[in-house]
Protein backbone atom coordinates (compact mmCIF):
# COMPACT_ATOMS: atom_id res chain seq x y z
CA LYS A 1 -0.85 -19.49 9.40
CA ASP A 2 1.73 -19.68 12.18
CA PRO A 3 3.37 -16.27 12.77
CA LEU A 4 5.69 -17.52 15.50
CA ALA A 5 7.04 -20.31 13.31
CA GLY A 6 7.56 -17.79 10.51
CA LEU A 7 9.54 -15.46 12.77
CA LYS A 8 11.67 -18.32 14.04
CA ARG A 9 12.44 -19.34 10.47
CA LEU A 10 13.43 -15.79 9.54
CA ARG A 11 15.71 -15.66 12.57
CA THR A 12 17.69 -18.61 11.22
CA VAL A 13 18.94 -16.52 8.26
CA LEU A 14 20.01 -13.47 10.27
CA ARG A 15 23.65 -12.70 10.81
CA PRO A 16 24.79 -12.54 14.44
CA ASN A 17 23.51 -9.25 15.90
CA GLY A 18 21.51 -8.76 12.70
CA GLY A 19 18.06 -7.25 12.61
CA MET A 20 15.02 -7.06 10.41
CA PHE A 21 11.98 -4.94 9.84
CA VAL A 22 8.75 -6.87 9.67
CA TRP A 23 5.75 -5.14 8.15
CA LEU A 24 2.42 -6.74 8.94
CA TYR A 25 -0.61 -5.93 6.86
CA GLY A 26 -3.80 -5.79 8.82
CA GLN A 27 -7.09 -5.65 6.97
CA LEU A 28 -8.43 -2.67 8.92
CA GLY A 29 -5.20 -0.70 8.58
CA ARG A 30 -5.39 -1.08 4.81
CA THR A 31 -9.01 -0.02 4.50
CA GLY A 32 -9.43 1.68 1.15
CA ILE A 33 -6.09 0.47 -0.18
CA TYR A 34 -7.41 -2.92 -1.25
CA GLU A 35 -10.32 -1.22 -3.03
CA TYR A 36 -7.90 1.18 -4.77
CA GLN A 37 -5.81 -1.79 -5.90
CA ALA A 38 -8.92 -3.61 -7.13
CA LEU A 39 -9.94 -0.54 -9.14
CA PHE A 40 -6.51 -0.42 -10.74
CA ARG A 41 -6.71 -4.11 -11.68
CA LEU A 42 -10.18 -3.65 -13.17
CA THR A 43 -8.91 -0.99 -15.58
CA GLY A 44 -6.53 -3.41 -17.30
CA ILE A 45 -4.13 -0.49 -17.78
CA PRO A 46 -0.43 -1.28 -17.31
CA ARG A 47 0.74 -0.23 -13.84
CA SER A 48 3.29 2.31 -15.09
CA GLN A 49 0.68 4.01 -17.30
CA PHE A 50 -1.93 3.99 -14.52
CA LEU A 51 0.50 5.62 -12.10
CA LYS A 52 1.66 8.18 -14.65
CA ASP A 53 -1.69 9.18 -16.17
CA TYR A 54 -4.54 8.18 -13.87
CA ALA A 55 -3.54 7.75 -10.20
CA ARG A 56 -3.25 11.43 -9.25
CA PRO A 57 -6.51 12.55 -10.92
CA LEU A 58 -8.27 9.59 -9.33
CA LEU A 59 -6.91 10.34 -5.86
CA LYS A 60 -7.74 14.02 -6.24
CA ALA A 61 -11.33 13.18 -7.17
CA LEU A 62 -12.00 10.93 -4.18
CA PRO A 63 -14.70 12.39 -1.94
CA GLU A 64 -14.08 12.91 1.77
CA THR A 65 -16.35 9.92 2.42
CA ASN A 66 -14.11 7.50 0.50
CA TRP A 67 -12.58 4.78 2.68
CA LEU A 68 -9.05 5.50 1.45
CA ARG A 69 -9.35 9.18 2.35
CA LYS A 70 -10.81 8.25 5.74
CA ASN A 71 -7.84 5.95 6.48
CA LYS A 72 -5.56 8.29 8.43
CA LEU A 73 -2.72 5.76 8.30
CA ALA A 74 -2.69 5.55 4.51
CA TRP A 75 -3.97 8.85 3.14
CA ARG A 76 -1.43 11.50 2.15
CA ASN A 77 -2.55 15.00 1.21
CA ASP A 78 0.74 15.55 -0.61
CA PHE A 79 0.17 12.77 -3.16
CA GLN A 80 0.50 15.25 -6.04
CA SER A 81 4.21 15.68 -5.25
CA LEU A 82 4.99 12.02 -4.53
CA PRO A 83 6.94 9.92 -7.01
CA ASP A 84 4.86 7.38 -8.95
CA SER A 85 6.40 4.54 -6.95
CA GLU A 86 4.71 5.81 -3.77
CA LEU A 87 1.23 5.90 -5.27
CA SER A 88 0.91 2.14 -5.33
CA ASP A 89 2.30 -0.90 -3.59
């Protein structure tokens, strides 16, 4: 609720001259990803099995009009060659 307070708190645990990467998730930047995650949860299939057996065929079958495919920040045409760990977050 208070991003500045959160950053200040994180700064207190840094070593001198330390650094951090902060990844912010914006709703628009993750368009299609939340729906993909919801679909996975609806299946009830264990994550490892979903990634191994279903994720690639599902991604391959998505039409060009799908929100995940339209999200140029998230969509990867090389998903067939990615490790399972990069098909879900």
